[in-house]
């Protein structure tokens, strides 16, 4: 019986997962501009990432940028590194 419940939960989790959206050039450029503004002017932005099929949102200030590898951000609680490929949206607050 416990195995049956676990399988049902796993199916529900898999059903809620989403695939990474295909971003066009304009969307990628907008993300880049928002990230650069946060880096240059230390302004907070909202970043959306996709990890394991789920979208995560966070408010942060970009502290360091390496376009090939990662974005280092400062949140209220911690310093995080986010791989650029995981970012699906960034907007000014």
PDB file of N, CA and C in Angstrom:
ATOM      1  N   UNK A   1       0.818  -1.194   0.000  1.00  0.00           N
ATOM      2  CA  UNK A   1       0.000   0.000   0.000  1.00  0.00           C
ATOM      3  C   UNK A   1       0.865   1.262   0.000  1.00  0.00           C
ATOM      4  N   UNK A   2       1.946   1.282   0.775  1.00  0.00           N
ATOM      5  CA  UNK A   2       2.814   2.444   0.819  1.00  0.00           C
ATOM      6  C   UNK A   2       3.487   2.696  -0.532  1.00  0.00           C
ATOM      7  N   UNK A   3       3.847   1.624  -1.216  1.00  0.00           N
ATOM      8  CA  UNK A   3       4.451   1.783  -2.541  1.00  0.00           C
ATOM      9  C   UNK A   3       3.468   2.434  -3.506  1.00  0.00           C
ATOM     10  N   UNK A   4       2.216   2.067  -3.411  1.00  0.00           N
ATOM     11  CA  UNK A   4       1.169   2.619  -4.273  1.00  0.00           C
ATOM     12  C   UNK A   4       1.029   4.129  -4.044  1.00  0.00           C
ATOM     13  N   UNK A   5       1.047   4.554  -2.787  1.00  0.00           N
ATOM     14  CA  UNK A   5       0.943   5.982  -2.452  1.00  0.00           C
ATOM     15  C   UNK A   5       2.154   6.734  -2.986  1.00  0.00           C
ATOM     16  N   UNK A   6       3.337   6.166  -2.833  1.00  0.00           N
ATOM     17  CA  UNK A   6       4.555   6.815  -3.329  1.00  0.00           C
ATOM     18  C   UNK A   6       4.509   6.964  -4.846  1.00  0.00           C
ATOM     19  N   UNK A   7       4.062   5.943  -5.531  1.00  0.00           N
ATOM     20  CA  UNK A   7       3.959   6.009  -6.995  1.00  0.00           C
ATOM     21  C   UNK A   7       2.988   7.100  -7.405  1.00  0.00           C
ATOM     22  N   UNK A   8       1.858   7.199  -6.727  1.00  0.00           N
ATOM     23  CA  UNK A   8       0.877   8.243  -7.049  1.00  0.00           C
ATOM     24  C   UNK A   8       1.454   9.643  -6.808  1.00  0.00           C
ATOM     25  N   UNK A   9       2.200   9.821  -5.738  1.00  0.00           N
ATOM     26  CA  UNK A   9       2.833  11.114  -5.463  1.00  0.00           C
ATOM     27  C   UNK A   9       3.864  11.446  -6.536  1.00  0.00           C
ATOM     28  N   UNK A  10       4.655  10.465  -6.931  1.00  0.00           N
ATOM     29  CA  UNK A  10       5.657  10.675  -7.978  1.00  0.00           C
ATOM     30  C   UNK A  10       5.004  11.050  -9.299  1.00  0.00           C
ATOM     31  N   UNK A  11       3.897  10.419  -9.626  1.00  0.00           N
ATOM     32  CA  UNK A  11       3.172  10.734 -10.862  1.00  0.00           C
ATOM     33  C   UNK A  11       2.659  12.164 -10.805  1.00  0.00           C
ATOM     34  N   UNK A  12       2.140  12.580  -9.645  1.00  0.00           N
ATOM     35  CA  UNK A  12       1.630  13.944  -9.497  1.00  0.00           C
ATOM     36  C   UNK A  12       2.756  14.962  -9.626  1.00  0.00           C
ATOM     37  N   UNK A  13       3.905  14.677  -9.026  1.00  0.00           N
ATOM     38  CA  UNK A  13       5.052  15.575  -9.126  1.00  0.00           C
ATOM     39  C   UNK A  13       5.504  15.686 -10.582  1.00  0.00           C
ATOM     40  N   UNK A  14       5.613  14.563 -11.275  1.00  0.00           N
ATOM     41  CA  UNK A  14       6.025  14.577 -12.679  1.00  0.00           C
ATOM     42  C   UNK A  14       5.032  15.337 -13.551  1.00  0.00           C
ATOM     43  N   UNK A  15       3.756  15.241 -13.231  1.00  0.00           N
ATOM     44  CA  UNK A  15       2.727  15.937 -14.018  1.00  0.00           C
ATOM     45  C   UNK A  15       2.840  17.449 -13.857  1.00  0.00           C
ATOM     46  N   UNK A  16       3.362  17.925 -12.731  1.00  0.00           N
ATOM     47  CA  UNK A  16       3.474  19.361 -12.477  1.00  0.00           C
ATOM     48  C   UNK A  16       4.768  19.964 -13.020  1.00  0.00           C
ATOM     49  N   UNK A  17       5.688  19.139 -13.466  1.00  0.00           N
ATOM     50  CA  UNK A  17       6.945  19.647 -14.014  1.00  0.00           C
ATOM     51  C   UNK A  17       6.705  20.302 -15.368  1.00  0.00           C
ATOM     52  N   UNK A  18       7.535  21.309 -15.653  1.00  0.00           N
ATOM     53  CA  UNK A  18       7.447  21.989 -16.947  1.00  0.00           C
ATOM     54  C   UNK A  18       8.797  21.901 -17.643  1.00  0.00           C
ATOM     55  N   UNK A  19       8.776  22.040 -18.949  1.00  0.00           N
ATOM     56  CA  UNK A  19      10.032  22.033 -19.692  1.00  0.00           C
ATOM     57  C   UNK A  19      10.517  23.471 -19.856  1.00  0.00           C
ATOM     58  N   UNK A  20      11.793  23.622 -20.115  1.00  0.00           N
ATOM     59  CA  UNK A  20      12.381  24.950 -20.255  1.00  0.00           C
ATOM     60  C   UNK A  20      11.833  25.622 -21.507  1.00  0.00           C
ATOM     61  N   UNK A  21      11.356  26.861 -21.381  1.00  0.00           N
ATOM     62  CA  UNK A  21      10.844  27.566 -22.555  1.00  0.00           C
ATOM     63  C   UNK A  21      11.990  27.961 -23.492  1.00  0.00           C
ATOM     64  N   UNK A  22      11.692  27.991 -24.761  1.00  0.00           N
ATOM     65  CA  UNK A  22      12.666  28.453 -25.745  1.00  0.00           C
ATOM     66  C   UNK A  22      12.616  29.980 -25.779  1.00  0.00           C
ATOM     67  N   UNK A  23      13.691  30.623 -25.365  1.00  0.00           N
ATOM     68  CA  UNK A  23      13.736  32.078 -25.326  1.00  0.00           C
ATOM     69  C   UNK A  23      14.253  32.609 -26.652  1.00  0.00           C
ATOM     70  N   UNK A  24      13.567  33.619 -27.185  1.00  0.00           N
ATOM     71  CA  UNK A  24      14.039  34.217 -28.431  1.00  0.00           C
ATOM     72  C   UNK A  24      15.104  35.271 -28.123  1.00  0.00           C
ATOM     73  N   UNK A  25      15.692  35.846 -29.162  1.00  0.00           N
ATOM     74  CA  UNK A  25      16.787  36.802 -28.987  1.00  0.00           C
ATOM     75  C   UNK A  25      16.373  38.009 -28.169  1.00  0.00           C
ATOM     76  N   UNK A  26      15.168  38.493 -28.386  1.00  0.00           N
ATOM     77  CA  UNK A  26      14.688  39.669 -27.670  1.00  0.00           C
ATOM     78  C   UNK A  26      14.555  39.371 -26.168  1.00  0.00           C
ATOM     79  N   UNK A  27      14.037  38.209 -25.820  1.00  0.00           N
ATOM     80  CA  UNK A  27      13.907  37.836 -24.409  1.00  0.00           C
ATOM     81  C   UNK A  27      15.287  37.677 -23.753  1.00  0.00           C
ATOM     82  N   UNK A  28      16.214  37.056 -24.474  1.00  0.00           N
ATOM     83  CA  UNK A  28      17.567  36.892 -23.941  1.00  0.00           C
ATOM     84  C   UNK A  28      18.249  38.246 -23.737  1.00  0.00           C
ATOM     85  N   UNK A  29      18.040  39.165 -24.661  1.00  0.00           N
ATOM     86  CA  UNK A  29      18.623  40.499 -24.549  1.00  0.00           C
ATOM     87  C   UNK A  29      18.029  41.252 -23.360  1.00  0.00           C
ATOM     88  N   UNK A  30      16.718  41.112 -23.146  1.00  0.00           N
ATOM     89  CA  UNK A  30      16.073  41.775 -22.014  1.00  0.00           C
ATOM     90  C   UNK A  30      16.605  41.224 -20.691  1.00  0.00           C
ATOM     91  N   UNK A  31      16.778  39.910 -20.603  1.00  0.00           N
ATOM     92  CA  UNK A  31      17.346  39.301 -19.398  1.00  0.00           C
ATOM     93  C   UNK A  31      18.745  39.858 -19.150  1.00  0.00           C
ATOM     94  N   UNK A  32      19.537  39.943 -20.208  1.00  0.00           N
ATOM     95  CA  UNK A  32      20.901  40.461 -20.088  1.00  0.00           C
ATOM     96  C   UNK A  32      20.893  41.912 -19.603  1.00  0.00           C
ATOM     97  N   UNK A  33      20.010  42.739 -20.147  1.00  0.00           N
ATOM     98  CA  UNK A  33      19.944  44.150 -19.742  1.00  0.00           C
ATOM     99  C   UNK A  33      19.545  44.295 -18.277  1.00  0.00           C
ATOM    100  N   UNK A  34      18.576  43.522 -17.849  1.00  0.00           N
ATOM    101  CA  UNK A  34      18.119  43.589 -16.458  1.00  0.00           C
ATOM    102  C   UNK A  34      19.238  43.153 -15.516  1.00  0.00           C
ATOM    103  N   UNK A  35      19.927  42.074 -15.864  1.00  0.00           N
ATOM    104  CA  UNK A  35      21.034  41.586 -15.033  1.00  0.00           C
ATOM    105  C   UNK A  35      22.157  42.621 -14.979  1.00  0.00           C
ATOM    106  N   UNK A  36      22.489  43.221 -16.100  1.00  0.00           N
ATOM    107  CA  UNK A  36      23.560  44.231 -16.134  1.00  0.00           C
ATOM    108  C   UNK A  36      23.179  45.467 -15.317  1.00  0.00           C
ATOM    109  N   UNK A  37      21.917  45.888 -15.388  1.00  0.00           N
ATOM    110  CA  UNK A  37      21.466  47.025 -14.585  1.00  0.00           C
ATOM    111  C   UNK A  37      21.613  46.735 -13.094  1.00  0.00           C
ATOM    112  N   UNK A  38      21.245  45.531 -12.683  1.00  0.00           N
ATOM    113  CA  UNK A  38      21.374  45.157 -11.284  1.00  0.00           C
ATOM    114  C   UNK A  38      22.840  45.159 -10.857  1.00  0.00           C
ATOM    115  N   UNK A  39      23.707  44.669 -11.722  1.00  0.00           N
ATOM    116  CA  UNK A  39      25.134  44.634 -11.431  1.00  0.00           C
ATOM    117  C   UNK A  39      25.707  46.053 -11.348  1.00  0.00           C
ATOM    118  N   UNK A  40      25.373  46.889 -12.332  1.00  0.00           N
ATOM    119  CA  UNK A  40      25.939  48.244 -12.410  1.00  0.00           C
ATOM    120  C   UNK A  40      25.408  49.186 -11.334  1.00  0.00           C
ATOM    121  N   UNK A  41      24.116  49.083 -11.017  1.00  0.00           N
ATOM    122  CA  UNK A  41      23.474  50.052 -10.120  1.00  0.00           C
ATOM    123  C   UNK A  41      23.044  49.439  -8.788  1.00  0.00           C
ATOM    124  N   UNK A  42      23.416  48.199  -8.525  1.00  0.00           N
ATOM    125  CA  UNK A  42      23.040  47.462  -7.309  1.00  0.00           C
ATOM    126  C   UNK A  42      21.554  47.591  -6.986  1.00  0.00           C
ATOM    127  N   UNK A  43      20.742  47.414  -8.012  1.00  0.00           N
ATOM    128  CA  UNK A  43      19.296  47.450  -7.825  1.00  0.00           C
ATOM    129  C   UNK A  43      18.759  46.021  -7.772  1.00  0.00           C
ATOM    130  N   UNK A  44      17.754  45.786  -6.934  1.00  0.00           N
ATOM    131  CA  UNK A  44      17.183  44.440  -6.848  1.00  0.00           C
ATOM    132  C   UNK A  44      16.372  44.097  -8.093  1.00  0.00           C
ATOM    133  N   UNK A  45      16.412  42.824  -8.465  1.00  0.00           N
ATOM    134  CA  UNK A  45      15.634  42.322  -9.594  1.00  0.00           C
ATOM    135  C   UNK A  45      14.961  41.017  -9.185  1.00  0.00           C
ATOM    136  N   UNK A  46      13.981  40.620  -9.954  1.00  0.00           N
ATOM    137  CA  UNK A  46      13.328  39.332  -9.740  1.00  0.00           C
ATOM    138  C   UNK A  46      13.853  38.378 -10.805  1.00  0.00           C
ATOM    139  N   UNK A  47      14.440  37.269 -10.371  1.00  0.00           N
ATOM    140  CA  UNK A  47      14.996  36.273 -11.286  1.00  0.00           C
ATOM    141  C   UNK A  47      14.151  35.009 -11.193  1.00  0.00           C
ATOM    142  N   UNK A  48      13.805  34.454 -12.342  1.00  0.00           N
ATOM    143  CA  UNK A  48      13.100  33.170 -12.396  1.00  0.00           C
ATOM    144  C   UNK A  48      14.043  32.145 -13.007  1.00  0.00           C
ATOM    145  N   UNK A  49      14.143  31.005 -12.342  1.00  0.00           N
ATOM    146  CA  UNK A  49      14.995  29.922 -12.836  1.00  0.00           C
ATOM    147  C   UNK A  49      14.172  28.651 -12.967  1.00  0.00           C
ATOM    148  N   UNK A  50      14.663  27.744 -13.787  1.00  0.00           N
ATOM    149  CA  UNK A  50      14.020  26.443 -13.936  1.00  0.00           C
ATOM    150  C   UNK A  50      15.002  25.381 -13.468  1.00  0.00           C
ATOM    151  N   UNK A  51      14.611  24.661 -12.414  1.00  0.00           N
ATOM    152  CA  UNK A  51      15.446  23.592 -11.876  1.00  0.00           C
ATOM    153  C   UNK A  51      14.598  22.355 -11.652  1.00  0.00           C
ATOM    154  N   UNK A  52      15.019  21.268 -12.215  1.00  0.00           N
ATOM    155  CA  UNK A  52      14.322  19.982 -12.065  1.00  0.00           C
ATOM    156  C   UNK A  52      12.857  20.066 -12.487  1.00  0.00           C
ATOM    157  N   UNK A  53      12.568  20.895 -13.475  1.00  0.00           N
ATOM    158  CA  UNK A  53      11.212  20.986 -13.997  1.00  0.00           C
ATOM    159  C   UNK A  53      10.309  21.957 -13.266  1.00  0.00           C
ATOM    160  N   UNK A  54      10.826  22.653 -12.260  1.00  0.00           N
ATOM    161  CA  UNK A  54      10.016  23.587 -11.493  1.00  0.00           C
ATOM    162  C   UNK A  54      10.611  24.983 -11.560  1.00  0.00           C
ATOM    163  N   UNK A  55       9.735  25.988 -11.612  1.00  0.00           N
ATOM    164  CA  UNK A  55      10.164  27.380 -11.676  1.00  0.00           C
ATOM    165  C   UNK A  55      10.351  27.914 -10.262  1.00  0.00           C
ATOM    166  N   UNK A  56      11.495  28.559 -10.045  1.00  0.00           N
ATOM    167  CA  UNK A  56      11.800  29.209  -8.765  1.00  0.00           C
ATOM    168  C   UNK A  56      11.950  30.701  -9.013  1.00  0.00           C
ATOM    169  N   UNK A  57      11.429  31.495  -8.100  1.00  0.00           N
ATOM    170  CA  UNK A  57      11.533  32.954  -8.212  1.00  0.00           C
ATOM    171  C   UNK A  57      12.288  33.473  -7.002  1.00  0.00           C
ATOM    172  N   UNK A  58      13.131  34.465  -7.225  1.00  0.00           N
ATOM    173  CA  UNK A  58      13.839  35.082  -6.112  1.00  0.00           C
ATOM    174  C   UNK A  58      14.108  36.542  -6.429  1.00  0.00           C
ATOM    175  N   UNK A  59      14.171  37.319  -5.392  1.00  0.00           N
ATOM    176  CA  UNK A  59      14.558  38.718  -5.511  1.00  0.00           C
ATOM    177  C   UNK A  59      16.000  38.807  -5.070  1.00  0.00           C
ATOM    178  N   UNK A  60      16.819  39.483  -5.876  1.00  0.00           N
ATOM    179  CA  UNK A  60      18.253  39.504  -5.585  1.00  0.00           C
ATOM    180  C   UNK A  60      18.914  40.702  -6.240  1.00  0.00           C
ATOM    181  N   UNK A  61      20.139  40.930  -5.850  1.00  0.00           N
ATOM    182  CA  UNK A  61      21.003  41.922  -6.492  1.00  0.00           C
ATOM    183  C   UNK A  61      22.182  41.152  -7.071  1.00  0.00           C
ATOM    184  N   UNK A  62      22.480  41.393  -8.334  1.00  0.00           N
ATOM    185  CA  UNK A  62      23.598  40.707  -8.983  1.00  0.00           C
ATOM    186  C   UNK A  62      24.894  41.292  -8.444  1.00  0.00           C
ATOM    187  N   UNK A  63      25.747  40.416  -7.948  1.00  0.00           N
ATOM    188  CA  UNK A  63      27.002  40.830  -7.334  1.00  0.00           C
ATOM    189  C   UNK A  63      28.184  40.644  -8.277  1.00  0.00           C
ATOM    190  N   UNK A  64      28.131  39.602  -9.086  1.00  0.00           N
ATOM    191  CA  UNK A  64      29.230  39.268  -9.988  1.00  0.00           C
ATOM    192  C   UNK A  64      28.649  38.550 -11.191  1.00  0.00           C
ATOM    193  N   UNK A  65      29.266  38.727 -12.323  1.00  0.00           N
ATOM    194  CA  UNK A  65      28.719  38.143 -13.545  1.00  0.00           C
ATOM    195  C   UNK A  65      29.827  37.540 -14.384  1.00  0.00           C
ATOM    196  N   UNK A  66      29.595  36.303 -14.792  1.00  0.00           N
ATOM    197  CA  UNK A  66      30.460  35.620 -15.732  1.00  0.00           C
ATOM    198  C   UNK A  66      29.519  35.036 -16.777  1.00  0.00           C
ATOM    199  N   UNK A  67      29.377  35.680 -17.901  1.00  0.00           N
ATOM    200  CA  UNK A  67      28.351  35.321 -18.895  1.00  0.00           C
ATOM    201  C   UNK A  67      28.473  33.881 -19.382  1.00  0.00           C
ATOM    202  N   UNK A  68      29.633  33.315 -19.312  1.00  0.00           N
ATOM    203  CA  UNK A  68      29.788  31.954 -19.796  1.00  0.00           C
ATOM    204  C   UNK A  68      29.368  30.919 -18.743  1.00  0.00           C
ATOM    205  N   UNK A  69      29.444  31.303 -17.479  1.00  0.00           N
ATOM    206  CA  UNK A  69      29.250  30.296 -16.445  1.00  0.00           C
ATOM    207  C   UNK A  69      28.110  30.613 -15.481  1.00  0.00           C
ATOM    208  N   UNK A  70      28.162  31.733 -14.780  1.00  0.00           N
ATOM    209  CA  UNK A  70      27.206  31.913 -13.691  1.00  0.00           C
ATOM    210  C   UNK A  70      26.967  33.386 -13.351  1.00  0.00           C
ATOM    211  N   UNK A  71      25.927  33.585 -12.568  1.00  0.00           N
ATOM    212  CA  UNK A  71      25.616  34.882 -11.991  1.00  0.00           C
ATOM    213  C   UNK A  71      25.672  34.702 -10.477  1.00  0.00           C
ATOM    214  N   UNK A  72      26.439  35.539  -9.801  1.00  0.00           N
ATOM    215  CA  UNK A  72      26.450  35.499  -8.343  1.00  0.00           C
ATOM    216  C   UNK A  72      25.479  36.557  -7.859  1.00  0.00           C
ATOM    217  N   UNK A  73      24.556  36.152  -6.999  1.00  0.00           N
ATOM    218  CA  UNK A  73      23.549  37.081  -6.516  1.00  0.00           C
ATOM    219  C   UNK A  73      23.544  37.115  -4.997  1.00  0.00           C
ATOM    220  N   UNK A  74      23.129  38.253  -4.482  1.00  0.00           N
ATOM    221  CA  UNK A  74      22.982  38.418  -3.037  1.00  0.00           C
ATOM    222  C   UNK A  74      21.492  38.487  -2.745  1.00  0.00           C
ATOM    223  N   UNK A  75      20.979  37.506  -2.002  1.00  0.00           N
ATOM    224  CA  UNK A  75      19.596  37.543  -1.548  1.00  0.00           C
ATOM    225  C   UNK A  75      19.594  38.053  -0.116  1.00  0.00           C
ATOM    226  N   UNK A  76      18.439  38.113   0.483  1.00  0.00           N
ATOM    227  CA  UNK A  76      18.363  38.570   1.875  1.00  0.00           C
ATOM    228  C   UNK A  76      19.129  37.662   2.816  1.00  0.00           C
ATOM    229  N   UNK A  77      19.251  36.401   2.445  1.00  0.00           N
ATOM    230  CA  UNK A  77      19.787  35.421   3.376  1.00  0.00           C
ATOM    231  C   UNK A  77      21.139  34.834   2.996  1.00  0.00           C
ATOM    232  N   UNK A  78      21.493  34.893   1.724  1.00  0.00           N
ATOM    233  CA  UNK A  78      22.698  34.176   1.329  1.00  0.00           C
ATOM    234  C   UNK A  78      23.233  34.678  -0.010  1.00  0.00           C
ATOM    235  N   UNK A  79      24.435  34.252  -0.316  1.00  0.00           N
ATOM    236  CA  UNK A  79      25.038  34.493  -1.624  1.00  0.00           C
ATOM    237  C   UNK A  79      24.855  33.218  -2.411  1.00  0.00           C
ATOM    238  N   UNK A  80      24.373  33.321  -3.652  1.00  0.00           N
ATOM    239  CA  UNK A  80      24.125  32.144  -4.487  1.00  0.00           C
ATOM    240  C   UNK A  80      24.770  32.330  -5.847  1.00  0.00           C
ATOM    241  N   UNK A  81      25.127  31.232  -6.445  1.00  0.00           N
ATOM    242  CA  UNK A  81      25.580  31.225  -7.837  1.00  0.00           C
ATOM    243  C   UNK A  81      24.507  30.518  -8.662  1.00  0.00           C
ATOM    244  N   UNK A  82      24.118  31.139  -9.748  1.00  0.00           N
ATOM    245  CA  UNK A  82      23.114  30.553 -10.627  1.00  0.00           C
ATOM    246  C   UNK A  82      23.727  30.402 -12.004  1.00  0.00           C
ATOM    247  N   UNK A  83      23.622  29.220 -12.569  1.00  0.00           N
ATOM    248  CA  UNK A  83      24.105  28.999 -13.927  1.00  0.00           C
ATOM    249  C   UNK A  83      23.197  29.764 -14.889  1.00  0.00           C
ATOM    250  N   UNK A  84      23.791  30.479 -15.796  1.00  0.00           N
ATOM    251  CA  UNK A  84      23.025  31.338 -16.707  1.00  0.00           C
ATOM    252  C   UNK A  84      21.991  30.548 -17.507  1.00  0.00           C
ATOM    253  N   UNK A  85      22.289  29.315 -17.841  1.00  0.00           N
ATOM    254  CA  UNK A  85      21.341  28.513 -18.620  1.00  0.00           C
ATOM    255  C   UNK A  85      20.045  28.232 -17.868  1.00  0.00           C
ATOM    256  N   UNK A  86      20.071  28.359 -16.542  1.00  0.00           N
ATOM    257  CA  UNK A  86      18.872  28.081 -15.739  1.00  0.00           C
ATOM    258  C   UNK A  86      17.939  29.293 -15.632  1.00  0.00           C
ATOM    259  N   UNK A  87      18.431  30.484 -15.983  1.00  0.00           N
ATOM    260  CA  UNK A  87      17.610  31.686 -15.881  1.00  0.00           C
ATOM    261  C   UNK A  87      16.639  31.729 -17.057  1.00  0.00           C
ATOM    262  N   UNK A  88      15.347  31.845 -16.738  1.00  0.00           N
ATOM    263  CA  UNK A  88      14.330  31.900 -17.788  1.00  0.00           C
ATOM    264  C   UNK A  88      13.651  33.263 -17.857  1.00  0.00           C
ATOM    265  N   UNK A  89      13.872  34.106 -16.829  1.00  0.00           N
ATOM    266  CA  UNK A  89      13.304  35.450 -16.837  1.00  0.00           C
ATOM    267  C   UNK A  89      14.012  36.300 -15.792  1.00  0.00           C
ATOM    268  N   UNK A  90      14.063  37.596 -16.062  1.00  0.00           N
ATOM    269  CA  UNK A  90      14.600  38.567 -15.098  1.00  0.00           C
ATOM    270  C   UNK A  90      13.843  39.861 -15.336  1.00  0.00           C
ATOM    271  N   UNK A  91      13.401  40.459 -14.246  1.00  0.00           N
ATOM    272  CA  UNK A  91      12.649  41.704 -14.397  1.00  0.00           C
ATOM    273  C   UNK A  91      13.036  42.685 -13.298  1.00  0.00           C
ATOM    274  N   UNK A  92      12.934  43.955 -13.650  1.00  0.00           N
ATOM    275  CA  UNK A  92      13.209  45.010 -12.681  1.00  0.00           C
ATOM    276  C   UNK A  92      12.060  45.096 -11.693  1.00  0.00           C
ATOM    277  N   UNK A  93      12.399  45.458 -10.478  1.00  0.00           N
ATOM    278  CA  UNK A  93      11.348  45.598  -9.456  1.00  0.00           C
ATOM    279  C   UNK A  93      11.023  47.064  -9.278  1.00  0.00           C
TER     280      UNK A  93
END
